Amino acid sequence: MNIRMICRVLGLIVSIEGGCMMIPAIISLVYWEHDAMSFFTSGALCCMLGLVLSCVPLQSKDRLQLREGFMAVSLSWIVLSVLGALPYFMSGYFLSPVDALFESFSGFTTTGATLLTDVEAAPKSILFWRSFTQWLGGMGVLVLMLALLPKLGAGSTFLLQAESPGAIKTKLVPRVGETAKILYAIYIILTVAEILCLRIAGMPWYDSTVNAMSTVATGGFSCRSASIGAYNSTAICLIVSLFMILSALNFSALYCALVKRSFNLLKHGETRIYCIVLLSSTALITADLVLRGGYDLTGGASTALFQVASASSTTGFTSADYSLWPAFSQRILLLLMLVGGCAGSTSGGLKMQRMILLVRLLKAHLQRMIHPRVVRVLCVDGHRVEDQVLSGVKLYFFAYMFLLFFLTLAISLDGYNLDTCFSAVVACVSSGGIAMDLAGPTGTFNIFSAPSKLLLCVGMLAGRLEIMPLLLMCSGAAWTQK
């Protein structure tokens, strides 16, 4: 294990985080708040730690390999989240270190599960930092590092591979640094476009910025307790719905469709199926709300579309109190959050790409039972899927389900019912942020004990890193073997 290279990566990441803390510090001064010193102090500590780690001497033979890439990714997210909790705790707004850690992990992993009961009462600098951590975590801080400092040699490929979500890893261009720049360019363009659209729709500049960062990161932190529903605007809901859906699509597919114009986005298998699921779920929930929920057709359709886009993209915004909806509609939202959006997007969940592969594996197995001698090759968009990828999909699905059941069993020691515990775990592991029953839209995750909150933090981290890098970090053999 090359500890020196991992320390160098951590140093760069921590330094970037320290610099980012200066932005909410300035916002605190602009709004005459008293939290600027908390951010300045936290940022200075991060920069000093980053400088120390960056000064670790390297040898000429030092290179990042796949194992070091996964280790660096896992440690980076842990260190980022722990240091990101400093402003929360130092400002005194979160009295418990565990609560500060929970809010920070929820931010960087784009989960959106919050402990705040009265969001409007919080300082604007704190609310900005919550959404900014989601924006940083949405595309990945390591991807940002590769875009700004693409000088880690061939090993930088392993960093991108370890942090990119989905079963099939792809680069847009041969150079990793250029790929990272393209991804962040798309990310920034979507963010700026939504800020402008929301401002035109009547949302204030500050609110537009905070909500847009959370939307494009599919995070779900808002500056209002009632989330997007607080604005009571159909236009704002439609704008946010559109950008939630765009952010849940594969960024590589968006690039090819919009920039290179090399293929039709709707002919891309994963995108097409995601849109079909989106429309079908909206239709089912609309019918349920109209027939049993007391909604008219227009109101039911617009509300259903927003919540389906929020759940399927694992954003976690709300425009209505879905806890009052019929159980059928609530279960659809829970399943959508469990599956999540497309691979290569900022959304969480199992990913639509994996679900497609699992269904095709099941179909191929049934066909093999009927015709044992027939050899069938599983393809995605005309490309053969390697056996190693298929094995990885099956292993990830098992690990994902095991994690859900284990965490549900563990936090059930708090004494809450199955709906509350299971939906809270799904919300954290899938990065969806919205749960049911006691942890639903009118409640918070404050109902859970400190040990349960720490376990949910582990679930957030495992879901964002797609489990395997975290498991590798916990393996003793990965640290000792050369």
Protein backbone atom coordinates (compact mmCIF):
# COMPACT_ATOMS: atom_id res chain seq x y z
CA MET A 1 0.00 0.00 0.00
CA ASN A 2 1.45 3.35 -1.09
CA ILE A 3 0.61 5.53 1.92
CA ARG A 4 2.60 8.47 0.54
CA MET A 5 0.42 8.83 -2.56
CA ILE A 6 -2.76 8.52 -0.50
CA CYS A 7 -1.53 11.27 1.86
CA ARG A 8 -0.76 13.49 -1.14
CA VAL A 9 -4.30 13.02 -2.51
CA LEU A 10 -5.82 13.69 0.91
CA GLY A 11 -3.72 16.84 1.26
CA LEU A 12 -5.01 18.24 -2.03
CA ILE A 13 -8.61 17.40 -1.17
CA VAL A 14 -8.47 18.91 2.32
CA SER A 15 -6.87 22.08 0.93
CA ILE A 16 -9.70 22.45 -1.59
CA GLU A 17 -12.24 22.03 1.22
CA GLY A 18 -10.49 24.68 3.30
CA GLY A 19 -10.67 27.12 0.41
CA CYS A 20 -14.35 26.36 -0.14
CA MET A 21 -15.11 27.25 3.49
CA MET A 22 -14.15 30.85 2.76
CA ILE A 23 -17.26 31.31 0.59
CA PRO A 24 -19.84 30.80 3.39
CA ALA A 25 -17.56 32.90 5.63
CA ILE A 26 -17.94 35.79 3.18
CA ILE A 27 -21.71 35.19 2.99
CA SER A 28 -21.86 35.40 6.79
CA LEU A 29 -20.16 38.81 6.65
CA VAL A 30 -22.46 40.02 3.87
CA TYR A 31 -25.58 39.18 5.90
CA TRP A 32 -24.07 40.51 9.15
CA GLU A 33 -24.14 37.12 10.85
CA HIS A 34 -21.84 35.92 13.62
CA ASP A 35 -20.64 32.65 12.09
CA ALA A 36 -17.85 33.98 9.87
CA MET A 37 -15.12 33.15 12.40
CA SER A 38 -16.32 29.53 12.58
CA PHE A 39 -15.79 29.15 8.84
CA PHE A 40 -12.51 31.09 8.77
CA THR A 41 -11.12 29.00 11.62
CA SER A 42 -12.32 25.71 10.11
CA GLY A 43 -10.94 26.69 6.71
CA ALA A 44 -7.57 27.61 8.19
CA LEU A 45 -7.35 24.28 10.01
CA CYS A 46 -8.17 22.43 6.79
CA CYS A 47 -5.56 24.37 4.83
CA MET A 48 -2.88 23.71 7.43
CA LEU A 49 -3.69 20.00 7.53
CA GLY A 50 -3.77 19.90 3.74
CA LEU A 51 -0.37 21.59 3.56
CA VAL A 52 1.15 19.07 5.96
CA LEU A 53 -0.24 16.10 4.02
CA SER A 54 0.76 17.62 0.66
CA CYS A 55 4.36 17.94 1.84
CA VAL A 56 4.77 14.18 2.30
CA PRO A 57 7.81 13.36 0.12
CA LEU A 58 7.24 11.09 -2.89
CA GLN A 59 9.65 8.71 -4.54
CA SER A 60 10.12 8.53 -8.28
CA LYS A 61 8.52 5.09 -8.41
CA ASP A 62 5.36 6.14 -6.52
CA ARG A 63 2.23 5.55 -8.58
CA LEU A 64 -1.45 5.25 -7.81
CA GLN A 65 -2.82 1.78 -8.49
CA LEU A 66 -6.43 0.60 -8.37
CA ARG A 67 -6.19 -0.38 -4.69
CA GLU A 68 -4.70 2.98 -3.70
CA GLY A 69 -7.37 4.73 -5.79
CA PHE A 70 -10.18 3.05 -3.87
CA MET A 71 -8.45 3.72 -0.56
CA ALA A 72 -7.90 7.37 -1.40
CA VAL A 73 -11.54 7.79 -2.39
CA SER A 74 -12.85 6.19 0.81
CA LEU A 75 -10.53 8.14 3.11
CA SER A 76 -11.17 11.38 1.23
CA TRP A 77 -14.92 11.20 1.76
CA ILE A 78 -14.51 10.37 5.45
CA VAL A 79 -12.02 13.18 6.05
CA LEU A 80 -14.10 15.65 4.02
CA SER A 81 -17.24 14.87 6.01
CA VAL A 82 -15.52 14.98 9.39
CA LEU A 83 -13.80 18.30 8.67
CA GLY A 84 -16.96 19.63 7.05
CA ALA A 85 -18.72 19.21 10.39
CA LEU A 86 -16.37 21.71 12.07
CA PRO A 87 -18.33 24.87 11.09
CA TYR A 88 -21.59 23.31 12.29
CA PHE A 89 -20.12 22.47 15.68
CA MET A 90 -17.93 25.57 16.14
CA SER A 91 -20.84 27.89 15.33
CA GLY A 92 -22.79 26.30 18.18
CA TYR A 93 -25.78 25.67 15.96
CA PHE A 94 -25.37 21.91 16.37
CA LEU A 95 -24.62 21.25 20.04
CA SER A 96 -23.80 17.56 19.59
CA PRO A 97 -20.71 16.44 17.60
CA VAL A 98 -22.76 13.47 16.35
CA ASP A 99 -25.45 15.82 15.00
CA ALA A 100 -22.81 17.95 13.28
CA LEU A 101 -21.28 14.81 11.72
CA PHE A 102 -24.70 13.58 10.58
CA GLU A 103 -25.50 16.87 8.83
CA SER A 104 -22.06 16.96 7.22
CA PHE A 105 -22.19 13.36 5.99
CA SER A 106 -25.70 13.98 4.70
CA GLY A 107 -24.41 16.98 2.78
CA PHE A 108 -21.29 15.57 1.16
CA THR A 109 -23.00 12.28 0.26
CA THR A 110 -25.94 14.26 -1.22
CA THR A 111 -28.38 12.40 1.01
CA GLY A 112 -30.38 15.40 2.21
CA ALA A 113 -31.52 13.82 5.48
CA THR A 114 -31.56 16.64 8.00
CA LEU A 115 -31.79 17.20 11.74
CA LEU A 116 -33.04 20.79 11.41
CA THR A 117 -36.64 21.37 12.46
CA ASP A 118 -36.83 25.11 11.74
CA VAL A 119 -34.68 25.65 8.66
CA GLU A 120 -35.51 29.34 8.23
CA ALA A 121 -34.15 30.07 11.72
CA ALA A 122 -30.67 28.87 10.76
CA PRO A 123 -28.04 31.41 9.59
CA LYS A 124 -27.79 31.88 5.84
CA SER A 125 -24.11 30.92 5.91
CA ILE A 126 -24.94 27.57 7.52
CA LEU A 127 -27.71 26.89 5.00
CA PHE A 128 -25.39 27.83 2.15
CA TRP A 129 -22.69 25.49 3.47
CA ARG A 130 -25.23 22.63 3.66
CA SER A 131 -26.14 23.03 0.00
CA PHE A 132 -22.56 23.78 -1.06
CA THR A 133 -21.34 20.54 0.50
CA GLN A 134 -23.97 18.75 -1.56
CA TRP A 135 -22.84 20.53 -4.69
CA LEU A 136 -19.22 19.56 -3.99
CA GLY A 137 -20.21 15.96 -3.25
CA GLY A 138 -22.61 15.63 -6.19
CA MET A 139 -20.02 15.36 -8.92
CA GLY A 140 -17.32 14.35 -6.45
CA VAL A 141 -14.54 16.43 -4.96
CA LEU A 142 -11.96 14.04 -6.39
CA VAL A 143 -13.32 14.71 -9.88
CA LEU A 144 -12.92 18.42 -9.15
CA MET A 145 -9.34 17.78 -8.06
CA LEU A 146 -8.61 15.90 -11.28
CA ALA A 147 -10.08 18.77 -13.29
CA LEU A 148 -7.98 21.38 -11.48
CA LEU A 149 -4.80 19.38 -10.86
CA PRO A 150 -4.56 16.55 -13.42
CA LYS A 151 -0.95 15.73 -12.52
CA LEU A 152 -1.19 12.40 -10.74
CA GLY A 153 -0.07 10.41 -13.74
CA ALA A 154 -1.74 7.25 -15.00
CA GLY A 155 -3.03 6.51 -11.52
CA SER A 156 -5.62 9.30 -11.80
CA THR A 157 -7.69 6.89 -13.91
CA PHE A 158 -8.18 4.74 -10.83
CA LEU A 159 -9.46 7.72 -8.82
CA LEU A 160 -12.08 8.44 -11.48
CA GLN A 161 -12.98 4.76 -11.70
CA ALA A 162 -13.35 4.43 -7.93
CA GLU A 163 -15.60 7.49 -7.59
CA SER A 164 -17.75 7.14 -10.72
CA PRO A 165 -21.16 5.59 -9.99
CA GLY A 166 -22.52 2.74 -12.06
CA ALA A 167 -21.61 -0.72 -13.24
CA ILE A 168 -19.86 0.27 -16.47
CA LYS A 169 -17.06 2.86 -16.22
CA THR A 170 -16.36 5.08 -19.23
CA LYS A 171 -14.14 8.02 -20.10
CA LEU A 172 -15.42 10.70 -22.47
CA VAL A 173 -11.95 11.44 -23.85
CA PRO A 174 -8.61 9.61 -23.48
CA ARG A 175 -7.19 12.07 -20.93
CA VAL A 176 -8.65 11.77 -17.43
CA GLY A 177 -8.18 15.46 -16.66
CA GLU A 178 -10.10 16.46 -19.78
CA THR A 179 -12.90 14.04 -18.89
CA ALA A 180 -13.15 15.59 -15.43
CA LYS A 181 -13.28 19.09 -16.94
CA ILE A 182 -16.08 18.09 -19.32
CA LEU A 183 -18.11 16.55 -16.49
CA TYR A 184 -17.71 19.64 -14.32
CA ALA A 185 -18.51 21.95 -17.25
CA ILE A 186 -21.85 20.16 -17.72
CA TYR A 187 -22.40 20.30 -13.96
CA ILE A 188 -21.73 24.04 -13.75
CA ILE A 189 -23.84 24.81 -16.83
CA LEU A 190 -26.83 22.97 -15.34
CA THR A 191 -26.37 24.79 -12.03
CA VAL A 192 -26.13 28.26 -13.56
CA ALA A 193 -29.05 27.56 -15.90
CA GLU A 194 -31.28 26.54 -13.01
CA ILE A 195 -30.28 29.56 -10.92
CA LEU A 196 -31.32 31.86 -13.78
CA CYS A 197 -34.56 29.97 -14.43
CA LEU A 198 -35.56 30.06 -10.76
CA ARG A 199 -34.75 33.77 -10.53
CA ILE A 200 -36.90 34.47 -13.58
CA ALA A 201 -39.69 32.46 -11.94
CA GLY A 202 -39.59 34.82 -8.96
CA MET A 203 -37.30 33.10 -6.46
CA PRO A 204 -34.75 35.38 -4.69
CA TRP A 205 -31.09 35.12 -5.75
CA TYR A 206 -29.95 33.50 -2.51
CA ASP A 207 -32.76 30.92 -2.55
CA SER A 208 -32.18 30.25 -6.25
CA THR A 209 -28.49 29.55 -5.67
CA VAL A 210 -29.00 27.31 -2.64
CA ASN A 211 -31.83 25.30 -4.21
CA ALA A 212 -30.09 25.00 -7.59
CA MET A 213 -26.91 23.60 -6.00
CA SER A 214 -28.99 21.00 -4.14
CA THR A 215 -31.05 20.16 -7.23
CA VAL A 216 -28.19 19.53 -9.65
CA ALA A 217 -26.35 17.55 -6.96
CA THR A 218 -29.63 15.64 -6.37
CA GLY A 219 -29.13 16.43 -2.69
CA GLY A 220 -32.39 17.95 -1.46
CA PHE A 221 -31.24 20.49 1.15
CA SER A 222 -33.43 23.58 0.88
CA CYS A 223 -33.40 26.92 2.70
CA ARG A 224 -37.08 26.47 3.62
CA SER A 225 -38.64 24.05 6.11
CA ALA A 226 -41.39 23.19 3.62
CA SER A 227 -38.79 22.66 0.88
CA ILE A 228 -39.89 23.71 -2.63
CA GLY A 229 -43.53 23.61 -1.56
CA ALA A 230 -42.90 26.76 0.50
CA TYR A 231 -42.80 28.89 -2.67
CA ASN A 232 -46.31 27.79 -3.73
CA SER A 233 -45.41 28.21 -7.41
CA THR A 234 -46.23 25.78 -10.22
CA ALA A 235 -43.51 27.33 -12.42
CA ILE A 236 -40.82 26.81 -9.76
CA CYS A 237 -41.95 23.20 -9.22
CA LEU A 238 -41.78 22.49 -12.97
CA ILE A 239 -38.30 24.07 -13.27
CA VAL A 240 -36.96 22.07 -10.33
CA SER A 241 -38.60 18.89 -11.70
CA LEU A 242 -36.89 19.39 -15.07
CA PHE A 243 -33.45 19.87 -13.56
CA MET A 244 -33.88 16.96 -11.15
CA ILE A 245 -34.59 14.71 -14.15
CA LEU A 246 -31.66 16.12 -16.17
CA SER A 247 -29.32 15.60 -13.22
CA ALA A 248 -30.48 11.98 -12.91
CA LEU A 249 -29.43 11.22 -16.51
CA ASN A 250 -26.02 9.88 -17.48
CA PHE A 251 -23.73 12.90 -17.91
CA SER A 252 -21.74 11.09 -20.59
CA ALA A 253 -24.95 10.53 -22.57
CA LEU A 254 -25.90 14.20 -22.10
CA TYR A 255 -22.50 15.24 -23.41
CA CYS A 256 -22.70 13.00 -26.46
CA ALA A 257 -26.26 14.06 -27.24
CA LEU A 258 -25.91 17.81 -26.69
CA VAL A 259 -22.29 18.51 -27.64
CA LYS A 260 -21.05 15.78 -29.94
CA ARG A 261 -24.58 15.02 -31.30
CA SER A 262 -23.35 11.47 -31.86
CA PHE A 263 -26.59 9.73 -30.88
CA ASN A 264 -30.22 10.22 -29.92
CA LEU A 265 -30.59 10.48 -26.14
CA LEU A 266 -33.94 8.69 -26.16
CA LYS A 267 -32.39 5.76 -28.03
CA HIS A 268 -29.93 5.29 -25.19
CA GLY A 269 -31.29 2.20 -23.44
CA GLU A 270 -30.88 3.32 -19.84
CA THR A 271 -32.28 6.81 -20.51
CA ARG A 272 -35.28 5.42 -22.37
CA ILE A 273 -36.18 2.96 -19.63
CA TYR A 274 -35.67 5.62 -16.95
CA CYS A 275 -38.11 7.92 -18.76
CA ILE A 276 -40.63 5.07 -19.11
CA VAL A 277 -40.41 4.35 -15.37
CA LEU A 278 -40.76 8.07 -14.66
CA LEU A 279 -43.89 8.48 -16.78
CA SER A 280 -45.47 5.22 -15.61
CA SER A 281 -44.94 6.07 -11.95
CA THR A 282 -46.34 9.57 -12.47
CA ALA A 283 -49.45 8.13 -14.13
CA LEU A 284 -50.01 5.56 -11.37
CA ILE A 285 -49.61 8.08 -8.56
CA THR A 286 -51.77 10.65 -10.37
CA ALA A 287 -54.56 8.09 -10.71
CA ASP A 288 -54.21 7.11 -7.05
CA LEU A 289 -54.28 10.73 -5.88
CA VAL A 290 -57.31 11.57 -8.01
CA LEU A 291 -59.29 8.45 -7.09
CA ARG A 292 -58.36 8.14 -3.43
CA GLY A 293 -56.37 11.21 -2.41
CA GLY A 294 -58.87 13.99 -3.08
CA TYR A 295 -56.80 15.74 -5.78
CA ASP A 296 -58.10 17.10 -9.08
CA LEU A 297 -56.42 15.88 -12.26
CA THR A 298 -54.17 18.93 -12.82
CA GLY A 299 -53.07 19.23 -9.21
CA GLY A 300 -52.55 15.49 -8.86
CA ALA A 301 -50.47 15.25 -12.05
CA SER A 302 -48.18 18.20 -11.21
CA THR A 303 -47.66 17.06 -7.61
CA ALA A 304 -47.06 13.47 -8.68
CA LEU A 305 -44.54 14.50 -11.34
CA PHE A 306 -42.55 16.56 -8.85
CA GLN A 307 -42.41 13.86 -6.19
CA VAL A 308 -41.63 11.12 -8.73
CA ALA A 309 -38.78 13.21 -10.16
CA SER A 310 -37.54 13.90 -6.63
CA ALA A 311 -37.66 10.24 -5.54
CA SER A 312 -36.30 8.70 -8.76
CA SER A 313 -33.41 11.16 -8.89
CA THR A 314 -32.90 10.66 -5.11
CA THR A 315 -32.99 14.44 -4.64
CA GLY A 316 -35.40 14.50 -1.71
CA PHE A 317 -37.22 17.80 -2.31
CA THR A 318 -40.90 17.91 -1.42
CA SER A 319 -43.77 20.00 -2.76
CA ALA A 320 -46.48 18.36 -0.66
CA ASP A 321 -46.89 16.26 2.46
CA TYR A 322 -46.76 12.83 0.83
CA SER A 323 -47.25 11.18 4.23
CA LEU A 324 -50.95 12.00 3.77
CA TRP A 325 -51.06 10.17 0.42
CA PRO A 326 -52.49 6.67 0.00
CA ALA A 327 -50.07 3.87 0.94
CA PHE A 328 -49.82 2.74 -2.71
CA SER A 329 -48.34 6.09 -3.81
CA GLN A 330 -45.94 6.18 -0.87
CA ARG A 331 -44.61 2.71 -1.68
CA ILE A 332 -43.99 3.72 -5.30
CA LEU A 333 -41.87 6.64 -4.09
CA LEU A 334 -39.92 4.33 -1.80
CA LEU A 335 -39.20 1.89 -4.64
CA LEU A 336 -38.16 4.70 -6.97
CA MET A 337 -35.73 5.99 -4.35
CA LEU A 338 -34.34 2.48 -3.89
CA VAL A 339 -33.61 2.11 -7.62
CA GLY A 340 -32.42 5.68 -8.18
CA GLY A 341 -31.39 7.37 -11.43
CA CYS A 342 -29.00 6.54 -14.25
CA ALA A 343 -25.38 5.48 -13.89
CA GLY A 344 -22.89 8.30 -14.37
CA SER A 345 -25.27 10.86 -12.87
CA THR A 346 -25.30 12.61 -9.51
CA SER A 347 -28.22 10.49 -8.26
CA GLY A 348 -27.94 7.61 -5.80
CA GLY A 349 -29.69 4.26 -5.44
CA LEU A 350 -28.96 0.97 -7.13
CA LYS A 351 -28.93 2.75 -10.52
CA MET A 352 -31.20 1.97 -13.45
CA GLN A 353 -28.28 0.45 -15.37
CA ARG A 354 -27.83 -2.30 -12.78
CA MET A 355 -31.55 -3.03 -12.63
CA ILE A 356 -31.62 -3.44 -16.42
CA LEU A 357 -28.68 -5.83 -16.29
CA LEU A 358 -30.28 -7.84 -13.48
CA VAL A 359 -33.54 -8.19 -15.40
CA ARG A 360 -31.68 -9.26 -18.53
CA LEU A 361 -29.67 -11.76 -16.50
CA LEU A 362 -32.90 -13.23 -15.18
CA LYS A 363 -34.34 -13.41 -18.70
CA ALA A 364 -31.15 -15.04 -20.03
CA HIS A 365 -31.24 -17.60 -17.20
CA LEU A 366 -34.84 -18.53 -18.00
CA GLN A 367 -34.01 -18.87 -21.70
CA ARG A 368 -31.03 -21.07 -20.82
CA MET A 369 -33.35 -23.35 -18.86
CA ILE A 370 -35.56 -23.72 -21.93
CA HIS A 371 -32.71 -23.97 -24.46
CA PRO A 372 -29.61 -25.25 -22.58
CA ARG A 373 -27.38 -25.40 -25.66
CA VAL A 374 -28.04 -21.89 -26.91
CA VAL A 375 -25.26 -19.37 -26.15
CA ARG A 376 -26.54 -15.85 -25.62
CA VAL A 377 -24.43 -12.73 -25.28
CA LEU A 378 -25.77 -9.93 -23.07
CA CYS A 379 -25.38 -6.53 -24.71
CA VAL A 380 -26.10 -2.93 -23.69
CA ASP A 381 -26.58 -0.38 -26.49
CA GLY A 382 -24.88 -2.71 -28.94
CA HIS A 383 -21.85 -3.41 -26.74
CA ARG A 384 -21.15 -6.77 -25.11
CA VAL A 385 -21.17 -6.70 -21.33
CA GLU A 386 -18.16 -8.49 -19.85
CA ASP A 387 -18.68 -11.34 -17.41
CA GLN A 388 -16.68 -9.44 -14.80
CA VAL A 389 -19.18 -6.57 -14.98
CA LEU A 390 -22.13 -8.95 -14.60
CA SER A 391 -20.51 -10.61 -11.60
CA GLY A 392 -19.92 -7.19 -10.09
CA VAL A 393 -23.59 -6.25 -10.57
CA LYS A 394 -24.80 -9.39 -8.80
CA LEU A 395 -22.31 -8.93 -5.97
CA TYR A 396 -23.24 -5.27 -5.53
CA PHE A 397 -26.97 -6.06 -5.43
CA PHE A 398 -26.37 -8.64 -2.70
CA ALA A 399 -24.17 -6.25 -0.69
CA TYR A 400 -26.70 -3.44 -1.10
CA MET A 401 -29.62 -5.54 0.13
CA PHE A 402 -27.58 -6.97 3.00
CA LEU A 403 -26.61 -3.43 4.08
CA LEU A 404 -30.27 -2.32 4.01
CA PHE A 405 -31.44 -5.23 6.15
CA PHE A 406 -28.54 -5.01 8.59
CA LEU A 407 -28.95 -1.27 9.20
CA THR A 408 -32.74 -1.61 9.51
CA LEU A 409 -32.28 -4.29 12.16
CA ALA A 410 -29.65 -2.22 14.00
CA ILE A 411 -31.59 1.06 14.21
CA SER A 412 -34.80 -0.78 15.12
CA LEU A 413 -33.25 -1.01 18.60
CA ASP A 414 -34.51 2.57 19.00
CA GLY A 415 -38.00 1.09 19.17
CA TYR A 416 -39.60 2.64 16.07
CA ASN A 417 -41.82 0.74 13.62
CA LEU A 418 -40.63 -0.98 10.44
CA ASP A 419 -41.88 1.78 8.09
CA THR A 420 -39.85 4.41 9.93
CA CYS A 421 -36.66 2.36 10.26
CA PHE A 422 -36.60 0.78 6.80
CA SER A 423 -37.51 3.97 4.94
CA ALA A 424 -34.88 5.92 6.91
CA VAL A 425 -32.21 3.37 5.96
CA VAL A 426 -33.30 3.42 2.30
CA ALA A 427 -33.23 7.23 2.37
CA CYS A 428 -29.64 7.21 3.65
CA VAL A 429 -28.15 4.34 1.65
CA SER A 430 -29.83 5.45 -1.60
CA SER A 431 -28.99 9.13 -0.89
CA GLY A 432 -32.69 9.87 -1.26
CA GLY A 433 -33.15 11.80 1.96
CA ILE A 434 -36.93 11.40 2.22
CA ALA A 435 -38.35 8.76 4.55
CA MET A 436 -41.79 7.68 5.68
CA ASP A 437 -43.86 7.78 8.85
CA LEU A 438 -42.06 9.39 11.84
CA ALA A 439 -39.06 10.41 9.69
CA GLY A 440 -41.29 11.66 6.88
CA PRO A 441 -41.70 15.17 5.41
CA THR A 442 -43.11 16.63 8.62
CA GLY A 443 -40.42 15.03 10.83
CA THR A 444 -36.63 14.83 10.95
CA PHE A 445 -33.96 12.24 11.64
CA ASN A 446 -33.58 13.76 15.10
CA ILE A 447 -35.84 11.02 16.45
CA PHE A 448 -32.96 8.52 16.24
CA SER A 449 -30.37 7.98 18.96
CA ALA A 450 -26.72 8.97 18.57
CA PRO A 451 -25.54 5.39 17.78
CA SER A 452 -28.29 5.07 15.13
CA LYS A 453 -27.25 8.39 13.57
CA LEU A 454 -23.65 7.17 13.32
CA LEU A 455 -24.83 3.94 11.69
CA LEU A 456 -26.91 5.96 9.23
CA CYS A 457 -23.76 8.01 8.46
CA VAL A 458 -22.03 4.74 7.56
CA GLY A 459 -25.01 3.91 5.34
CA MET A 460 -24.77 7.30 3.60
CA LEU A 461 -21.06 6.83 2.96
CA ALA A 462 -21.47 3.25 1.75
CA GLY A 463 -24.27 4.27 -0.60
CA ARG A 464 -22.34 7.21 -2.06
CA LEU A 465 -19.17 5.14 -2.56
CA GLU A 466 -21.19 2.14 -3.80
CA ILE A 467 -20.02 -0.04 -0.90
CA MET A 468 -16.92 -1.68 -2.41
CA PRO A 469 -14.33 1.07 -1.70
CA LEU A 470 -15.51 1.16 1.92
CA LEU A 471 -15.29 -2.63 2.25
CA LEU A 472 -11.80 -2.56 0.76
CA MET A 473 -10.72 0.06 3.28
CA CYS A 474 -11.96 -2.17 6.12
CA SER A 475 -9.97 -5.11 4.80
CA GLY A 476 -6.73 -5.68 6.68
CA ALA A 477 -5.16 -7.48 3.73
CA ALA A 478 -5.56 -4.37 1.56
CA TRP A 479 -3.35 -2.40 3.92
CA THR A 480 -0.66 -5.02 4.54
CA GLN A 481 -0.15 -6.74 1.19
CA LYS A 482 2.09 -5.09 -1.38
